[in-house]
Amino acid sequence: MKAIVPSFLTICNFMCGMLAVIVAIDDKMGMAVGFIFLGGLFDLFDGRVARKLNVMSSFGKELDSLADVVTFGVAPAMIAYEVSLQYLNGFGLVAVLVYAVCGLVRLARFNVKQSTLTIFVGMPIPAAAIILMIFTFTATPIFLILATFLLAALMVSQVRFPNFKKLKQSSELSDGDN
């Protein structure tokens, strides 16, 4: 029964991503960004709760990635498109499609190859989403399109990024061993 709790948090993450897309269509960008950040909070806690309750599972890992692709892939791409990139004709559409697809690939690759590593290979999709949201509201459309392609490339790159959660977990384990 306690395994339901982290899954419920993950589903809340997914619902926030869906709500972000819906309100973005209605041109309520502040609410849309708020839903992405709220989804990020649910994403931050679902794994912690699963570890605390000792109910980690393959199902939970897959559910988390499916929610993340909506909240940090599709929703930010939709917002960037609605705010700015739609005015660049087909180039903006291509940019957001590439961003979302690279986020999807990044999450699939993570689940298959990286979930046990202490580093991330490729930029984590939540980080890419935050950066994309910042550029969406601060950059010119041309700079935003370049940033969107760069973030997409970084997500599927071989660039190594620190995994602060894993570093903290391994230091807690080693502190407990002393």
Protein backbone atom coordinates (compact mmCIF):
# COMPACT_ATOMS: atom_id res chain seq x y z
CA MET A 1 0.00 0.00 0.00
CA LYS A 2 2.83 2.41 0.80
CA ALA A 3 4.17 1.95 -2.77
CA ILE A 4 1.24 4.05 -3.96
CA VAL A 5 2.62 7.22 -2.34
CA PRO A 6 5.63 7.81 -4.63
CA SER A 7 3.59 6.79 -7.68
CA PHE A 8 0.92 9.30 -6.69
CA LEU A 9 3.60 12.03 -6.49
CA THR A 10 4.84 11.02 -9.94
CA ILE A 11 1.30 11.18 -11.32
CA CYS A 12 0.98 14.67 -9.80
CA ASN A 13 4.16 15.60 -11.73
CA PHE A 14 2.55 14.31 -14.93
CA MET A 15 -0.69 16.20 -14.25
CA CYS A 16 1.29 19.41 -13.73
CA GLY A 17 2.93 18.89 -17.12
CA MET A 18 -0.45 18.36 -18.75
CA LEU A 19 -1.88 21.43 -17.03
CA ALA A 20 1.13 23.46 -18.19
CA VAL A 21 0.38 22.50 -21.80
CA ILE A 22 -3.34 23.26 -21.43
CA VAL A 23 -2.88 26.70 -19.87
CA ALA A 24 -0.11 27.54 -22.38
CA ILE A 25 -2.62 26.95 -25.16
CA ASP A 26 -4.88 29.45 -23.37
CA ASP A 27 -1.96 31.94 -23.31
CA LYS A 28 -1.60 31.81 -19.52
CA MET A 29 2.19 31.55 -19.53
CA GLY A 30 2.75 32.45 -15.88
CA MET A 31 0.48 29.61 -14.82
CA ALA A 32 2.13 27.28 -17.32
CA VAL A 33 5.59 27.95 -15.92
CA GLY A 34 4.20 27.61 -12.40
CA PHE A 35 2.86 24.16 -13.24
CA ILE A 36 6.27 23.12 -14.60
CA PHE A 37 7.95 24.20 -11.37
CA LEU A 38 5.26 22.51 -9.26
CA GLY A 39 5.81 19.36 -11.33
CA GLY A 40 9.50 19.72 -10.55
CA LEU A 41 8.74 19.68 -6.84
CA PHE A 42 6.72 16.49 -7.21
CA ASP A 43 9.60 15.04 -9.27
CA LEU A 44 12.07 15.99 -6.57
CA PHE A 45 10.11 14.20 -3.86
CA ASP A 46 8.79 11.06 -5.58
CA GLY A 47 12.17 9.34 -5.67
CA ARG A 48 13.08 10.46 -2.16
CA VAL A 49 9.80 9.14 -0.80
CA ALA A 50 10.28 5.84 -2.65
CA ARG A 51 13.76 5.43 -1.16
CA LYS A 52 12.58 6.44 2.32
CA LEU A 53 9.70 3.94 2.18
CA ASN A 54 11.98 1.33 0.53
CA VAL A 55 9.52 0.85 -2.35
CA MET A 56 11.76 1.64 -5.35
CA SER A 57 10.76 -0.29 -8.45
CA SER A 58 11.23 -0.53 -12.19
CA PHE A 59 7.62 0.53 -12.56
CA GLY A 60 8.28 3.71 -10.57
CA LYS A 61 11.39 4.50 -12.61
CA GLU A 62 9.50 4.13 -15.88
CA LEU A 63 6.49 6.09 -14.62
CA ASP A 64 8.82 8.89 -13.50
CA SER A 65 10.41 9.14 -16.95
CA LEU A 66 7.05 9.19 -18.69
CA ALA A 67 5.91 12.03 -16.43
CA ASP A 68 9.20 13.88 -16.94
CA VAL A 69 8.92 13.78 -20.72
CA VAL A 70 5.63 15.67 -20.45
CA THR A 71 6.55 18.10 -17.67
CA PHE A 72 10.12 18.88 -18.74
CA GLY A 73 10.03 18.01 -22.44
CA VAL A 74 6.66 18.69 -24.04
CA ALA A 75 5.40 21.48 -21.76
CA PRO A 76 8.51 23.72 -21.92
CA ALA A 77 8.74 23.18 -25.68
CA MET A 78 5.09 24.18 -26.02
CA ILE A 79 5.61 27.31 -23.94
CA ALA A 80 8.72 28.32 -25.91
CA TYR A 81 6.81 27.81 -29.13
CA GLU A 82 3.75 29.78 -27.99
CA VAL A 83 5.77 32.68 -26.54
CA SER A 84 8.35 33.14 -29.26
CA LEU A 85 9.33 30.35 -31.61
CA GLN A 86 6.07 30.24 -33.56
CA TYR A 87 7.14 33.50 -35.19
CA LEU A 88 10.15 31.84 -36.82
CA ASN A 89 7.97 29.90 -39.23
CA GLY A 90 8.93 26.26 -39.53
CA PHE A 91 12.28 26.72 -37.80
CA GLY A 92 10.67 27.26 -34.41
CA LEU A 93 8.51 24.18 -34.87
CA VAL A 94 11.54 22.08 -35.80
CA ALA A 95 13.43 23.41 -32.75
CA VAL A 96 10.73 22.42 -30.26
CA LEU A 97 10.22 19.04 -31.89
CA VAL A 98 13.97 18.35 -31.73
CA TYR A 99 14.06 19.49 -28.08
CA ALA A 100 11.15 17.23 -27.09
CA VAL A 101 12.51 14.22 -29.02
CA CYS A 102 15.97 14.65 -27.50
CA GLY A 103 14.38 14.82 -24.05
CA LEU A 104 12.52 11.60 -24.78
CA VAL A 105 15.70 9.87 -26.00
CA ARG A 106 17.66 11.18 -23.02
CA LEU A 107 15.15 9.72 -20.55
CA ALA A 108 15.01 6.35 -22.32
CA ARG A 109 18.81 6.16 -22.41
CA PHE A 110 18.97 7.09 -18.72
CA ASN A 111 16.62 4.28 -17.73
CA VAL A 112 18.51 1.70 -19.75
CA LYS A 113 22.12 2.69 -19.14
CA GLN A 114 22.61 5.31 -16.46
CA SER A 115 20.24 5.12 -13.53
CA THR A 116 22.90 3.54 -11.30
CA LEU A 117 25.74 5.94 -12.21
CA THR A 118 26.92 8.70 -9.89
CA ILE A 119 27.00 11.16 -12.80
CA PHE A 120 24.62 12.07 -15.61
CA VAL A 121 25.71 11.50 -19.19
CA GLY A 122 23.91 14.26 -21.05
CA MET A 123 22.10 17.18 -19.45
CA PRO A 124 19.20 16.08 -17.22
CA ILE A 125 15.86 17.10 -18.72
CA PRO A 126 14.70 19.10 -15.66
CA ALA A 127 17.81 21.29 -15.93
CA ALA A 128 17.24 21.75 -19.67
CA ALA A 129 13.62 22.74 -18.97
CA ILE A 130 14.61 25.37 -16.42
CA ILE A 131 17.17 26.88 -18.79
CA LEU A 132 14.70 26.80 -21.67
CA MET A 133 12.10 28.61 -19.56
CA ILE A 134 14.61 31.30 -18.59
CA PHE A 135 15.62 31.87 -22.21
CA THR A 136 12.00 31.78 -23.37
CA PHE A 137 11.21 34.89 -21.36
CA THR A 138 14.54 36.72 -21.64
CA ALA A 139 16.06 36.01 -25.04
CA THR A 140 15.35 37.13 -28.57
CA PRO A 141 13.65 34.53 -30.80
CA ILE A 142 16.89 33.90 -32.72
CA PHE A 143 18.89 33.33 -29.52
CA LEU A 144 16.07 31.17 -28.14
CA ILE A 145 16.05 28.92 -31.19
CA LEU A 146 19.82 28.46 -30.91
CA ALA A 147 19.52 27.75 -27.17
CA THR A 148 16.73 25.25 -27.84
CA PHE A 149 18.90 23.31 -30.29
CA LEU A 150 21.89 23.51 -27.92
CA LEU A 151 19.86 22.21 -24.97
CA ALA A 152 18.52 19.39 -27.14
CA ALA A 153 22.05 18.44 -28.16
CA LEU A 154 23.30 18.60 -24.57
CA MET A 155 20.56 16.24 -23.40
CA VAL A 156 21.70 13.50 -25.80
CA SER A 157 25.41 14.35 -25.62
CA GLN A 158 28.15 12.44 -23.87
CA VAL A 159 28.92 15.46 -21.68
CA ARG A 160 29.08 14.46 -18.02
CA PHE A 161 27.03 16.40 -15.47
CA PRO A 162 27.18 15.91 -11.70
CA ASN A 163 24.38 13.92 -10.08
CA PHE A 164 24.05 15.66 -6.75
CA LYS A 165 21.45 13.17 -5.50
CA LYS A 166 23.80 10.22 -6.04
CA LEU A 167 26.76 12.10 -4.56
CA LYS A 168 24.71 12.92 -1.46
CA GLN A 169 23.46 9.33 -1.17
CA SER A 170 26.97 7.88 -1.48
CA SER A 171 28.35 10.34 1.11
CA GLU A 172 25.48 9.45 3.48
CA LEU A 173 26.30 5.77 3.02
CA SER A 174 30.00 6.32 3.66
CA ASP A 175 29.26 8.55 6.69
CA GLY A 176 27.10 5.77 8.08
CA ASP A 177 29.92 3.26 7.67
CA ASN A 178 32.32 5.19 9.94
